[in-house]
Amino acid sequence: MVSLKGTFADRAKDAIAHSLDRSFGPKLKEHMDYCTANPDQISKVTRVQQQVSEVKEIMMDNIEKVLDRGEKIEVRACTQFHTVCP
């Protein structure tokens, strides 16, 4: 992708609509074919993003469980000591 940017970035600034179709189209297809054929090389960032999302979801579940547990403890303490709870 870096080579595509280098090759076409300057030309794209002043290009008229569809003027780069013949030269850019085949290069883009070549890059897309490479990405499809080598997903392990392309998907490293995606894999890390998925792992971060999974960890985030687990942490949200854990926080929710801790809050639920805190509420249950508070209710038990109030009933055990016969106090008014907030």
Protein backbone atom coordinates (compact mmCIF):
# COMPACT_ATOMS: atom_id res chain seq x y z
CA MET A 1 0.00 0.00 0.00
CA VAL A 2 2.89 2.33 0.68
CA SER A 3 4.09 1.90 -2.89
CA LEU A 4 0.59 2.70 -4.16
CA LYS A 5 0.55 5.91 -2.15
CA GLY A 6 3.97 6.89 -3.43
CA THR A 7 3.10 6.14 -7.02
CA PHE A 8 -0.33 7.74 -7.18
CA ALA A 9 -0.48 10.31 -4.37
CA ASP A 10 0.99 13.19 -6.35
CA ARG A 11 -0.93 12.33 -9.50
CA ALA A 12 -4.22 11.98 -7.63
CA LYS A 13 -4.13 15.55 -6.33
CA ASP A 14 -4.64 17.05 -9.77
CA ALA A 15 -6.33 14.15 -11.53
CA ILE A 16 -9.56 14.55 -13.42
CA ALA A 17 -12.34 12.11 -12.54
CA HIS A 18 -11.61 8.59 -13.79
CA SER A 19 -8.30 9.61 -15.37
CA LEU A 20 -6.36 7.15 -13.20
CA ASP A 21 -8.71 4.19 -13.76
CA ARG A 22 -6.47 2.45 -16.31
CA SER A 23 -3.25 2.86 -14.34
CA PHE A 24 -4.56 2.65 -10.78
CA GLY A 25 -7.21 -0.05 -11.27
CA PRO A 26 -4.78 -2.90 -12.05
CA LYS A 27 -2.47 -1.87 -9.19
CA LEU A 28 -5.38 -1.79 -6.77
CA LYS A 29 -6.54 -5.23 -7.97
CA GLU A 30 -3.01 -6.57 -7.53
CA HIS A 31 -2.91 -5.25 -3.97
CA MET A 32 -6.35 -6.68 -3.19
CA ASP A 33 -5.29 -10.07 -4.57
CA TYR A 34 -2.20 -9.97 -2.37
CA CYS A 35 -4.32 -9.14 0.69
CA THR A 36 -6.68 -11.99 -0.10
CA ALA A 37 -3.84 -14.47 -0.69
CA ASN A 38 -1.86 -13.41 2.43
CA PRO A 39 -4.40 -12.69 5.17
CA ASP A 40 -1.88 -13.56 7.89
CA GLN A 41 0.32 -10.65 6.83
CA ILE A 42 -2.56 -8.22 6.57
CA SER A 43 -4.58 -9.30 9.57
CA LYS A 44 -2.01 -8.71 12.33
CA VAL A 45 -3.54 -5.37 13.25
CA THR A 46 -7.04 -6.79 12.93
CA ARG A 47 -6.11 -9.69 15.18
CA VAL A 48 -4.77 -7.31 17.85
CA GLN A 49 -7.91 -5.16 17.58
CA GLN A 50 -10.07 -8.26 18.07
CA GLN A 51 -8.03 -9.28 21.11
CA VAL A 52 -8.42 -5.81 22.60
CA SER A 53 -12.17 -5.98 21.98
CA GLU A 54 -12.36 -9.39 23.67
CA VAL A 55 -10.42 -8.17 26.70
CA LYS A 56 -12.60 -5.06 26.87
CA GLU A 57 -15.74 -7.20 26.83
CA ILE A 58 -14.38 -9.49 29.57
CA MET A 59 -13.45 -6.48 31.70
CA MET A 60 -16.94 -4.98 31.26
CA ASP A 61 -18.48 -8.29 32.37
CA ASN A 62 -16.16 -8.45 35.36
CA ILE A 63 -17.01 -4.88 36.39
CA GLU A 64 -20.70 -5.66 36.10
CA LYS A 65 -20.28 -8.78 38.27
CA VAL A 66 -18.34 -6.80 40.89
CA LEU A 67 -21.05 -4.14 40.99
CA ASP A 68 -23.78 -6.81 41.31
CA ARG A 69 -21.82 -8.51 44.06
CA GLY A 70 -21.41 -5.19 45.88
CA GLU A 71 -25.15 -4.56 45.73
CA LYS A 72 -25.89 -8.04 47.09
CA ILE A 73 -23.42 -7.56 49.93
CA GLU A 74 -24.97 -4.19 50.73
CA VAL A 75 -28.49 -5.66 50.80
CA ARG A 76 -27.36 -8.53 53.05
CA ALA A 77 -25.61 -6.16 55.41
CA CYS A 78 -28.70 -3.97 55.65
CA THR A 79 -31.02 -6.88 56.36
CA GLN A 80 -28.60 -8.50 58.79
CA PHE A 81 -28.10 -5.32 60.81
CA HIS A 82 -31.65 -4.05 60.27
CA THR A 83 -30.49 -0.72 58.95
CA VAL A 84 -31.90 1.54 56.25
CA CYS A 85 -29.88 1.24 53.07
CA PRO A 86 -29.50 3.98 50.49
